[in-house]
Amino acid sequence: MRILVTSPRVAPGLMTLAAWDAVREADRIVAAEADDPTVEAIVQAGFAVDTAPLPTDRTPATATLWVAPTGDVAWARGLADSLVSEVGAAPDPTADVEVVFGSYDLPGARLLDLVAVMDQLRVECPWTREQTHASLQQYLLEEAYEVLDALDRGDTDELREELGDLLMQVVFHAAVAARPGAAASGYEAPDGWDIDDVAAGIVEKLVRRNPHVFADGEAATPEEVDAAWQRLKATEKQRSSVLDGVPPTLPALAYADKVVGRLQRNGVVPAPHGDSLGERLLALVLEARATGEDPEAALRRTVNDLVPDQRV
């Protein structure tokens, strides 16, 4: 007997050759749910599918194909286990059960689930429906800092969770752009782009700025890669100033580090003059850059060490 398992993130009917061979070779095709997308695709292809409860006979019919509910690998495994074993008994070596994967998820497939959930929330959730780009600003900043906090503490489990929260903000903004909600002034017009446009933009940028990987560019060291990236970026942006694009809303140390980096990259070497607090802080930023350290992160870690018991 065979059990067919398919992914809910792949269009029904787009199955492997092994899966369609299993369908064609089966004397009987059985499913627990008649309205399952995979079952419907098999029926539309001209095959009869019976709907029946789970088998109770420990010896499976060898020419039967069971169609698992789409995406339910656990159901398929449970059926297979029930056919080859009884409670308290050893597995039956004569039982012949094969699980056939008709379709499977590629890396990143669960991102489709996130997009689908967010789209549903934008339609059905009163709070989510009301949000705008402006109202979400504070959450984007908060989630970014929570990611930094998890990184500082080296908590990889929390990092995974916080990255998910940050990713949600990206998908949230894209959903707002594609499906505006009910703002106080009424329904807004769509921005003309969605999450696919966001993804397409960054994919194109990564390919374009990494010709040493995707084209005939040459870069053998991290320094050469960065230099090539900066040259391509300068050509694309055509900015009038080396400081264009540096957000002044960055925290002061991070802002100073970014500005100094831009100036140094263009041959300008800042030299603090005087002994004011600001000059001394700038000197520390220059010292941090000379040693390859992030001044913002260094100060944050040091302050965190002062209050370990107050952190949650």
Protein backbone atom coordinates (compact mmCIF):
# COMPACT_ATOMS: atom_id res chain seq x y z
CA MET A 1 0.00 0.00 0.00
CA ARG A 2 1.11 3.55 -0.69
CA ILE A 3 0.29 6.81 1.08
CA LEU A 4 0.48 10.01 -0.96
CA VAL A 5 1.59 13.19 0.82
CA THR A 6 1.52 16.65 -0.78
CA SER A 7 2.38 20.20 0.27
CA PRO A 8 -0.33 22.86 0.69
CA ARG A 9 2.15 25.44 -0.69
CA VAL A 10 2.34 23.82 -4.11
CA ALA A 11 -0.55 24.07 -6.57
CA PRO A 12 -2.75 20.93 -6.43
CA GLY A 13 -1.88 18.52 -9.22
CA LEU A 14 1.72 19.72 -9.57
CA MET A 15 3.11 16.44 -8.31
CA THR A 16 6.24 14.42 -8.91
CA LEU A 17 6.41 11.69 -11.56
CA ALA A 18 6.61 9.11 -8.76
CA ALA A 19 3.33 10.45 -7.35
CA TRP A 20 1.48 10.26 -10.66
CA ASP A 21 2.93 6.80 -11.24
CA ALA A 22 1.49 5.76 -7.88
CA VAL A 23 -1.90 7.15 -8.92
CA ARG A 24 -1.84 5.30 -12.25
CA GLU A 25 -0.64 2.02 -10.72
CA ALA A 26 -3.21 1.91 -7.89
CA ASP A 27 -6.14 -0.51 -8.15
CA ARG A 28 -7.98 1.68 -5.69
CA ILE A 29 -7.46 5.28 -4.56
CA VAL A 30 -8.87 6.20 -1.16
CA ALA A 31 -9.02 9.49 0.74
CA ALA A 32 -10.34 10.53 4.12
CA GLU A 33 -11.61 13.86 2.73
CA ALA A 34 -13.35 14.20 -0.62
CA ASP A 35 -12.95 17.99 -0.80
CA ASP A 36 -9.18 17.91 -0.34
CA PRO A 37 -7.34 19.92 -3.09
CA THR A 38 -5.09 16.99 -4.01
CA VAL A 39 -8.07 14.63 -4.24
CA GLU A 40 -9.89 17.11 -6.46
CA ALA A 41 -6.85 17.36 -8.75
CA ILE A 42 -6.64 13.56 -9.05
CA VAL A 43 -10.37 13.34 -9.84
CA GLN A 44 -10.04 16.10 -12.45
CA ALA A 45 -7.24 14.03 -14.04
CA GLY A 46 -9.76 11.25 -14.61
CA PHE A 47 -9.16 8.92 -11.66
CA ALA A 48 -11.86 7.69 -9.28
CA VAL A 49 -11.25 8.36 -5.60
CA ASP A 50 -13.24 6.65 -2.85
CA THR A 51 -13.88 8.29 0.49
CA ALA A 52 -13.50 5.93 3.42
CA PRO A 53 -12.52 5.89 7.09
CA LEU A 54 -9.06 4.77 8.11
CA PRO A 55 -8.43 1.05 7.61
CA THR A 56 -8.53 -1.15 10.69
CA ASP A 57 -6.98 -4.23 9.08
CA ARG A 58 -3.32 -4.54 10.02
CA THR A 59 -2.48 -6.13 6.68
CA PRO A 60 -2.77 -3.39 4.04
CA ALA A 61 -4.01 -3.94 0.52
CA THR A 62 -0.90 -3.72 -1.61
CA ALA A 63 -2.49 -1.98 -4.61
CA THR A 64 -4.31 0.71 -2.61
CA LEU A 65 -3.22 4.36 -2.66
CA TRP A 66 -4.27 6.44 0.32
CA VAL A 67 -4.28 10.20 -0.25
CA ALA A 68 -3.29 12.00 2.94
CA PRO A 69 -4.95 15.34 3.70
CA THR A 70 -2.86 17.96 1.94
CA GLY A 71 0.13 18.94 4.07
CA ASP A 72 -0.62 16.47 6.85
CA VAL A 73 2.57 14.41 7.10
CA ALA A 74 1.68 13.40 10.65
CA TRP A 75 -1.59 11.84 9.41
CA ALA A 76 0.32 9.79 6.85
CA ARG A 77 2.85 8.62 9.39
CA GLY A 78 0.09 7.72 11.82
CA LEU A 79 -1.67 5.68 9.17
CA ALA A 80 1.55 3.89 8.25
CA ASP A 81 2.32 3.12 11.89
CA SER A 82 -1.18 1.79 12.48
CA LEU A 83 -0.89 -0.55 9.51
CA VAL A 84 2.46 -2.09 10.41
CA SER A 85 2.10 -2.22 14.20
CA GLU A 86 -0.42 -2.94 16.91
CA VAL A 87 -0.30 -1.46 20.38
CA GLY A 88 2.17 -3.50 22.41
CA ALA A 89 3.18 -5.62 19.42
CA ALA A 90 6.30 -5.66 17.29
CA PRO A 91 6.16 -4.24 13.75
CA ASP A 92 4.87 -6.63 11.11
CA PRO A 93 7.78 -7.32 8.70
CA THR A 94 5.34 -8.54 6.05
CA ALA A 95 3.50 -5.22 5.89
CA ASP A 96 4.46 -3.18 2.81
CA VAL A 97 3.68 0.50 3.27
CA GLU A 98 5.37 3.24 1.23
CA VAL A 99 4.98 6.98 1.75
CA VAL A 100 5.18 8.84 -1.57
CA PHE A 101 5.87 12.58 -1.48
CA GLY A 102 3.96 14.09 -4.36
CA SER A 103 5.19 17.62 -3.66
CA TYR A 104 7.35 19.18 -1.02
CA ASP A 105 8.32 22.58 0.30
CA LEU A 106 11.35 24.43 -0.97
CA PRO A 107 13.31 26.66 1.45
CA GLY A 108 11.25 29.76 2.20
CA ALA A 109 7.92 28.07 1.55
CA ARG A 110 6.57 29.01 4.99
CA LEU A 111 6.86 32.66 4.00
CA LEU A 112 3.80 32.03 1.85
CA ASP A 113 1.91 31.11 5.01
CA LEU A 114 2.91 34.40 6.62
CA VAL A 115 1.70 36.37 3.60
CA ALA A 116 -1.61 34.46 3.58
CA VAL A 117 -2.17 34.98 7.32
CA MET A 118 -1.43 38.70 7.03
CA ASP A 119 -3.80 39.06 4.07
CA GLN A 120 -6.56 37.38 6.09
CA LEU A 121 -5.89 39.64 9.08
CA ARG A 122 -6.09 42.74 6.88
CA VAL A 123 -9.58 41.64 5.86
CA GLU A 124 -11.00 40.16 9.07
CA CYS A 125 -9.17 41.75 12.04
CA PRO A 126 -10.50 45.21 13.06
CA TRP A 127 -7.17 46.32 14.60
CA THR A 128 -4.98 45.05 11.76
CA ARG A 129 -7.33 46.58 9.19
CA GLU A 130 -6.92 50.04 10.74
CA GLN A 131 -3.12 50.17 10.60
CA THR A 132 -1.18 52.43 8.23
CA HIS A 133 2.49 52.89 7.42
CA ALA A 134 2.60 55.73 9.93
CA SER A 135 0.91 53.85 12.75
CA LEU A 136 3.32 50.92 12.35
CA GLN A 137 6.49 53.02 12.62
CA GLN A 138 6.98 52.52 16.34
CA TYR A 139 6.62 48.74 16.07
CA LEU A 140 9.21 48.48 13.33
CA LEU A 141 11.73 50.29 15.50
CA GLU A 142 10.85 48.30 18.62
CA GLU A 143 11.18 44.96 16.84
CA ALA A 144 14.55 45.94 15.36
CA TYR A 145 15.89 46.77 18.82
CA GLU A 146 14.54 43.51 20.24
CA VAL A 147 16.49 41.66 17.54
CA LEU A 148 19.62 43.55 18.61
CA ASP A 149 18.95 42.66 22.24
CA ALA A 150 18.70 38.95 21.40
CA LEU A 151 21.94 39.20 19.43
CA ASP A 152 23.74 40.90 22.31
CA ARG A 153 22.70 38.15 24.69
CA GLY A 154 23.55 35.36 22.27
CA ASP A 155 20.10 33.80 22.70
CA THR A 156 19.57 32.10 19.35
CA ASP A 157 16.09 30.79 20.20
CA GLU A 158 14.92 34.28 21.08
CA LEU A 159 16.73 35.65 18.01
CA ARG A 160 14.67 33.34 15.83
CA GLU A 161 11.46 34.59 17.45
CA GLU A 162 12.43 38.25 17.25
CA LEU A 163 13.47 37.93 13.62
CA GLY A 164 9.99 36.54 13.00
CA ASP A 165 8.45 39.61 14.64
CA LEU A 166 10.66 41.87 12.51
CA LEU A 167 9.78 39.92 9.37
CA MET A 168 6.11 40.36 10.23
CA GLN A 169 6.60 44.13 10.12
CA VAL A 170 8.01 43.89 6.61
CA VAL A 171 5.08 41.76 5.47
CA PHE A 172 2.67 44.05 7.35
CA HIS A 173 3.88 47.17 5.53
CA ALA A 174 3.67 45.34 2.21
CA ALA A 175 0.11 44.26 3.03
CA VAL A 176 -0.80 47.86 3.86
CA ALA A 177 0.62 48.96 0.51
CA ALA A 178 -1.31 46.28 -1.38
CA ARG A 179 -4.55 46.37 0.60
CA PRO A 180 -5.08 49.69 2.39
CA GLY A 181 -7.24 49.52 5.49
CA ALA A 182 -9.91 51.77 6.90
CA ALA A 183 -7.99 54.84 8.09
CA ALA A 184 -9.64 57.62 10.07
CA SER A 185 -10.14 59.63 6.90
CA GLY A 186 -11.62 56.73 4.97
CA TYR A 187 -10.18 54.06 2.74
CA GLU A 188 -6.80 54.92 1.30
CA ALA A 189 -5.58 54.19 -2.20
CA PRO A 190 -3.12 51.32 -2.66
CA ASP A 191 0.55 52.21 -3.01
CA GLY A 192 0.91 50.15 -6.16
CA TRP A 193 3.21 47.45 -4.81
CA ASP A 194 3.08 44.35 -2.64
CA ILE A 195 5.33 41.80 -0.94
CA ASP A 196 6.35 40.28 -4.29
CA ASP A 197 7.60 43.67 -5.43
CA VAL A 198 9.57 44.02 -2.19
CA ALA A 199 11.17 40.60 -2.68
CA ALA A 200 11.79 41.19 -6.38
CA GLY A 201 13.53 44.48 -5.62
CA ILE A 202 16.00 43.03 -3.14
CA VAL A 203 16.66 39.96 -5.33
CA GLU A 204 17.48 42.19 -8.29
CA LYS A 205 19.73 44.35 -6.10
CA LEU A 206 21.62 41.38 -4.67
CA VAL A 207 22.22 39.92 -8.12
CA ARG A 208 23.20 43.28 -9.59
CA ARG A 209 25.61 44.18 -6.81
CA ASN A 210 27.31 40.78 -6.62
CA PRO A 211 28.66 40.34 -10.15
CA HIS A 212 31.48 38.18 -8.74
CA VAL A 213 28.79 35.56 -8.02
CA PHE A 214 26.14 36.13 -10.68
CA ALA A 215 28.16 37.58 -13.57
CA ASP A 216 31.77 38.02 -14.68
CA GLY A 217 32.93 40.32 -11.88
CA GLU A 218 36.02 39.59 -9.83
CA ALA A 219 36.29 39.89 -6.04
CA ALA A 220 38.34 37.45 -4.01
CA THR A 221 38.26 39.04 -0.54
CA PRO A 222 35.56 40.59 1.65
CA GLU A 223 37.24 43.99 1.18
CA GLU A 224 37.07 43.67 -2.61
CA VAL A 225 33.43 42.62 -2.41
CA ASP A 226 32.58 45.66 -0.27
CA ALA A 227 34.50 48.03 -2.56
CA ALA A 228 32.69 46.70 -5.63
CA TRP A 229 29.34 46.98 -3.82
CA GLN A 230 30.02 50.61 -2.93
CA ARG A 231 31.07 51.47 -6.50
CA LEU A 232 27.92 49.94 -7.93
CA LYS A 233 25.79 51.62 -5.28
CA ALA A 234 27.31 55.02 -6.07
CA THR A 235 26.66 54.52 -9.77
CA GLU A 236 23.04 53.51 -9.17
CA LYS A 237 22.15 56.18 -6.62
CA GLN A 238 23.86 59.14 -8.31
CA ARG A 239 23.75 61.05 -5.03
CA SER A 240 24.91 64.65 -4.86
CA SER A 241 26.53 64.19 -1.45
CA VAL A 242 28.44 61.33 0.18
CA LEU A 243 26.06 61.67 3.13
CA ASP A 244 22.86 61.28 1.13
CA GLY A 245 20.86 58.35 2.44
CA VAL A 246 22.26 58.43 5.98
CA PRO A 247 19.16 58.72 8.20
CA PRO A 248 19.69 61.44 10.84
CA THR A 249 17.18 59.66 13.07
CA LEU A 250 19.73 56.95 13.88
CA PRO A 251 20.91 56.81 17.50
CA ALA A 252 23.72 59.33 17.94
CA LEU A 253 26.62 56.87 18.11
CA ALA A 254 25.33 54.86 15.15
CA TYR A 255 24.74 58.11 13.23
CA ALA A 256 28.28 59.29 13.94
CA ASP A 257 29.71 55.91 12.92
CA LYS A 258 27.78 55.97 9.64
CA VAL A 259 28.76 59.56 8.81
CA VAL A 260 32.43 58.96 9.63
CA GLY A 261 32.43 55.81 7.52
CA ARG A 262 31.01 57.67 4.52
CA LEU A 263 33.55 60.48 4.90
CA GLN A 264 36.49 58.10 5.28
CA ARG A 265 35.40 56.11 2.26
CA ASN A 266 35.62 59.31 0.22
CA GLY A 267 39.05 60.32 1.48
CA VAL A 268 37.98 62.66 4.26
CA VAL A 269 39.60 61.93 7.64
CA PRO A 270 37.65 63.63 10.45
CA ALA A 271 39.79 64.97 13.28
CA PRO A 272 37.97 66.14 16.43
CA HIS A 273 39.14 69.54 17.69
CA GLY A 274 38.62 70.70 21.24
CA ASP A 275 37.70 68.90 24.42
CA SER A 276 33.91 69.15 24.47
CA LEU A 277 31.84 66.10 25.32
CA GLY A 278 30.75 65.77 21.71
CA GLU A 279 34.36 65.95 20.46
CA ARG A 280 35.43 63.27 22.92
CA LEU A 281 32.56 61.03 21.91
CA LEU A 282 33.43 61.51 18.25
CA ALA A 283 37.04 60.59 19.04
CA LEU A 284 35.77 57.35 20.58
CA VAL A 285 33.77 56.63 17.43
CA LEU A 286 36.93 57.09 15.37
CA GLU A 287 38.81 54.80 17.74
CA ALA A 288 36.08 52.16 17.43
CA ARG A 289 36.18 52.29 13.64
CA ALA A 290 39.97 51.95 13.68
CA THR A 291 39.64 48.71 15.67
CA GLY A 292 36.67 47.41 13.66
CA GLU A 293 34.22 47.69 16.54
CA ASP A 294 30.63 48.94 16.46
CA PRO A 295 30.48 51.77 19.05
CA GLU A 296 26.70 51.57 19.43
CA ALA A 297 26.78 47.83 20.12
CA ALA A 298 29.79 48.14 22.43
CA LEU A 299 28.12 50.76 24.62
CA ARG A 300 24.84 48.85 24.66
CA ARG A 301 26.54 45.65 25.81
CA THR A 302 28.44 47.49 28.54
CA VAL A 303 25.31 49.20 29.86
CA ASN A 304 23.41 45.91 29.76
CA ASP A 305 26.05 44.39 32.01
CA LEU A 306 25.23 47.02 34.64
CA VAL A 307 21.60 45.94 34.97
CA PRO A 308 21.41 42.21 34.19
CA ASP A 309 18.65 41.53 36.73
CA GLN A 310 16.34 44.18 35.31
CA ARG A 311 16.31 42.79 31.77
CA VAL A 312 13.44 40.63 30.58
